[in-house]
Amino acid sequence: MNLVIINYGAGNIKSIQFAFNRLGVNAVLSSNPNEILSADKIIFPGVGEASTAMQKLKESGLITLIPNLKQPVLGICLGMQLLCDFTEEGNTKGLGIFNTQVKRFSNKVKVPQMGWNIIKDLKSELFTGIKENEYMYLVHSYYAEQCEQAIATTDYDINYASALQHNNFFGVQFHPEKSSFAGERILENFLKLDIK
């Protein structure tokens, strides 16, 4: 399995790498276009602020490469949000894979949402063996609005899309690498995806 974690300077990618190591897969950290294009599967992580992360993607030349990838891609946290059309964070245009907007939680709830919350309405083979209302670990101030591409939802102030899928692109708002056995199962399911 040739697994690449895109390393563009926006994220705590070591914890994701360790999670795959536990599954017996050596994930390569890379920003090299040729290495990314030749990967079997790709992780697109992200932690931090959206406009800064997009700027780093531009500087690395990956902003045009990522939307054209044909192999399975999993965006995690900010990585998922950057795959959307637009995010309010820094008024940032996204990569346009997922047809939804990313909004900030209202001040009616504690922001960021930090800790364990449930995912439900599961609709993808990414969630094989995961039961409805399974707990996942989340840390975020912005959320993806509900849309047709939602494959999981979560309630926090409102009901939002906590996972998305469009063709070979998947995105999860939660951190599977920090979500115990259920999160590990999702990463394992991603490795087993067979998309032509």
Protein backbone atom coordinates (compact mmCIF):
# COMPACT_ATOMS: atom_id res chain seq x y z
CA MET A 1 0.00 0.00 0.00
CA ASN A 2 1.52 3.29 -1.14
CA LEU A 3 -0.10 5.83 1.21
CA VAL A 4 0.88 9.51 1.10
CA ILE A 5 -0.03 12.15 3.68
CA ILE A 6 0.14 15.53 1.95
CA ASN A 7 2.62 17.64 3.86
CA TYR A 8 2.00 21.31 3.09
CA GLY A 9 2.81 22.80 6.48
CA ALA A 10 -0.74 22.93 7.87
CA GLY A 11 -1.35 20.22 10.39
CA ASN A 12 -0.26 17.85 13.07
CA ILE A 13 0.47 15.05 10.63
CA LYS A 14 2.60 12.91 12.93
CA SER A 15 -0.43 11.62 14.86
CA ILE A 16 -2.03 10.53 11.56
CA GLN A 17 1.20 8.84 10.50
CA PHE A 18 1.39 6.98 13.84
CA ALA A 19 -2.24 5.85 13.49
CA PHE A 20 -1.44 4.20 10.14
CA ASN A 21 1.75 2.71 11.59
CA ARG A 22 -0.46 0.97 14.17
CA LEU A 23 -2.40 -0.52 11.24
CA GLY A 24 0.85 -1.79 9.72
CA VAL A 25 1.04 0.82 6.94
CA ASN A 26 3.99 3.14 6.47
CA ALA A 27 2.50 6.48 5.41
CA VAL A 28 4.90 8.77 3.55
CA LEU A 29 4.80 12.52 4.28
CA SER A 30 5.24 14.36 1.01
CA SER A 31 4.57 17.56 -0.92
CA ASN A 32 6.18 16.13 -4.06
CA PRO A 33 3.61 16.10 -6.91
CA ASN A 34 5.04 12.92 -8.45
CA GLU A 35 4.92 11.03 -5.14
CA ILE A 36 1.35 12.23 -4.55
CA LEU A 37 0.21 11.28 -8.06
CA SER A 38 1.70 7.78 -7.78
CA ALA A 39 0.12 7.03 -4.37
CA ASP A 40 -2.59 4.38 -4.00
CA LYS A 41 -4.38 6.44 -1.34
CA ILE A 42 -3.95 10.01 -0.12
CA ILE A 43 -4.60 11.76 3.19
CA PHE A 44 -5.21 15.53 3.04
CA PRO A 45 -4.87 16.78 6.64
CA GLY A 46 -5.19 20.24 8.09
CA VAL A 47 -5.08 22.06 11.39
CA GLY A 48 -5.11 25.82 11.84
CA GLU A 49 -6.60 28.68 9.87
CA ALA A 50 -8.17 28.22 6.42
CA SER A 51 -6.79 31.21 4.48
CA THR A 52 -3.24 30.53 5.74
CA ALA A 53 -3.56 26.85 4.76
CA MET A 54 -4.82 27.77 1.25
CA GLN A 55 -1.89 30.15 0.86
CA LYS A 56 0.47 27.29 1.71
CA LEU A 57 -1.25 25.12 -0.91
CA LYS A 58 -0.76 27.87 -3.51
CA GLU A 59 2.90 28.29 -2.61
CA SER A 60 3.51 24.54 -2.87
CA GLY A 61 1.72 24.31 -6.24
CA LEU A 62 -0.71 21.71 -4.86
CA ILE A 63 -3.80 23.88 -5.26
CA THR A 64 -4.31 22.68 -8.86
CA LEU A 65 -3.05 19.13 -8.28
CA ILE A 66 -5.37 18.08 -5.46
CA PRO A 67 -8.76 18.61 -7.21
CA ASN A 68 -7.58 16.45 -10.13
CA LEU A 69 -6.52 13.42 -8.09
CA LYS A 70 -8.16 10.15 -9.20
CA GLN A 71 -7.28 7.84 -6.30
CA PRO A 72 -9.16 7.83 -2.97
CA VAL A 73 -8.46 11.01 -0.99
CA LEU A 74 -9.43 11.51 2.66
CA GLY A 75 -9.58 15.08 3.95
CA ILE A 76 -9.39 15.36 7.74
CA CYS A 77 -10.65 18.35 9.80
CA LEU A 78 -9.46 21.53 8.05
CA GLY A 79 -8.49 19.32 5.10
CA MET A 80 -12.16 18.45 4.63
CA GLN A 81 -13.20 22.11 4.94
CA LEU A 82 -10.68 23.19 2.29
CA LEU A 83 -12.27 20.70 -0.12
CA CYS A 84 -15.57 22.63 0.15
CA ASP A 85 -16.62 25.56 -2.07
CA PHE A 86 -16.02 28.31 0.47
CA THR A 87 -15.27 28.88 4.15
CA GLU A 88 -16.14 31.91 6.24
CA GLU A 89 -12.79 31.52 8.00
CA GLY A 90 -10.73 34.27 6.37
CA ASN A 91 -13.41 34.48 3.61
CA THR A 92 -11.56 31.75 1.77
CA LYS A 93 -12.43 30.12 -1.56
CA GLY A 94 -12.00 26.36 -1.24
CA LEU A 95 -11.03 23.65 -3.73
CA GLY A 96 -14.65 23.13 -4.81
CA ILE A 97 -14.89 19.34 -4.48
CA PHE A 98 -17.77 19.37 -1.99
CA ASN A 99 -20.71 21.55 -2.93
CA THR A 100 -21.23 23.21 0.44
CA GLN A 101 -20.16 26.21 2.52
CA VAL A 102 -18.24 26.20 5.78
CA LYS A 103 -19.73 28.47 8.47
CA ARG A 104 -18.74 29.47 11.99
CA PHE A 105 -20.70 28.07 14.94
CA SER A 106 -22.90 30.68 16.63
CA ASN A 107 -22.06 32.12 20.03
CA LYS A 108 -24.98 30.15 21.52
CA VAL A 109 -22.54 27.27 22.02
CA LYS A 110 -18.98 26.96 23.28
CA VAL A 111 -16.60 27.57 20.37
CA PRO A 112 -14.58 25.64 19.40
CA GLN A 113 -16.49 22.41 19.80
CA MET A 114 -13.87 20.32 21.56
CA GLY A 115 -14.27 16.73 22.66
CA TRP A 116 -16.43 13.72 21.85
CA ASN A 117 -19.68 13.89 19.90
CA ILE A 118 -21.74 11.38 17.94
CA ILE A 119 -21.91 10.78 14.20
CA LYS A 120 -25.15 9.50 12.69
CA ASP A 121 -26.97 9.04 9.35
CA LEU A 122 -23.98 7.04 8.13
CA LYS A 123 -24.07 6.42 4.37
CA SER A 124 -20.75 5.16 3.08
CA GLU A 125 -18.51 2.10 3.02
CA LEU A 126 -16.11 4.36 4.91
CA PHE A 127 -18.31 3.51 7.92
CA THR A 128 -18.43 -0.28 7.49
CA GLY A 129 -18.59 -1.78 10.99
CA ILE A 130 -19.29 1.61 12.62
CA LYS A 131 -22.60 1.82 14.45
CA GLU A 132 -24.98 4.78 14.35
CA ASN A 133 -24.34 7.30 17.12
CA GLU A 134 -20.70 6.28 17.47
CA TYR A 135 -18.55 8.83 19.31
CA MET A 136 -15.75 10.64 17.49
CA TYR A 137 -13.26 13.25 18.68
CA LEU A 138 -13.72 16.79 17.28
CA VAL A 139 -11.97 20.15 17.63
CA HIS A 140 -13.36 22.88 15.36
CA SER A 141 -14.98 26.33 15.27
CA TYR A 142 -16.35 26.01 11.72
CA TYR A 143 -18.65 23.38 10.21
CA ALA A 144 -19.75 22.23 6.76
CA GLU A 145 -23.41 22.93 6.05
CA GLN A 146 -25.71 20.02 5.29
CA CYS A 147 -25.71 19.04 1.61
CA GLU A 148 -26.43 16.09 -0.69
CA GLN A 149 -22.84 14.89 -0.34
CA ALA A 150 -23.12 14.43 3.45
CA ILE A 151 -22.35 10.85 4.51
CA ALA A 152 -22.54 11.54 8.27
CA THR A 153 -24.08 14.24 10.42
CA THR A 154 -23.50 15.61 13.90
CA ASP A 155 -25.50 17.94 16.16
CA TYR A 156 -23.83 20.90 17.83
CA ASP A 157 -25.99 23.99 17.89
CA ILE A 158 -27.27 22.78 14.50
CA ASN A 159 -27.22 19.56 12.48
CA TYR A 160 -24.16 19.74 10.20
CA ALA A 161 -22.25 17.49 7.79
CA SER A 162 -19.50 15.76 9.77
CA ALA A 163 -18.43 13.64 6.77
CA LEU A 164 -18.70 14.19 3.02
CA GLN A 165 -18.12 12.20 -0.15
CA HIS A 166 -17.93 13.10 -3.83
CA ASN A 167 -16.61 10.44 -6.20
CA ASN A 168 -13.11 9.50 -4.95
CA PHE A 169 -12.99 12.32 -2.39
CA PHE A 170 -13.96 11.73 1.24
CA GLY A 171 -13.84 14.19 4.11
CA VAL A 172 -14.32 13.86 7.86
CA GLN A 173 -14.59 16.75 10.31
CA PHE A 174 -13.60 14.58 13.25
CA HIS A 175 -10.12 13.19 13.94
CA PRO A 176 -10.19 9.43 13.28
CA GLU A 177 -6.56 9.21 14.45
CA LYS A 178 -7.72 10.41 17.90
CA SER A 179 -11.04 8.53 18.01
CA SER A 180 -10.01 5.22 19.58
CA PHE A 181 -11.02 1.91 17.97
CA ALA A 182 -13.89 3.35 15.89
CA GLY A 183 -11.59 5.96 14.35
CA GLU A 184 -9.00 3.29 13.63
CA ARG A 185 -11.69 1.22 11.88
CA ILE A 186 -12.55 4.20 9.64
CA LEU A 187 -8.89 4.56 8.63
CA GLU A 188 -8.78 0.81 7.96
CA ASN A 189 -11.95 1.09 5.84
CA PHE A 190 -10.35 3.92 3.86
CA LEU A 191 -7.33 1.72 3.12
CA LYS A 192 -9.68 -1.00 1.81
CA LEU A 193 -11.70 1.28 -0.49
CA ASP A 194 -11.66 0.09 -4.07
CA ILE A 195 -12.57 3.00 -6.34
CA LYS A 196 -11.98 2.81 -10.05
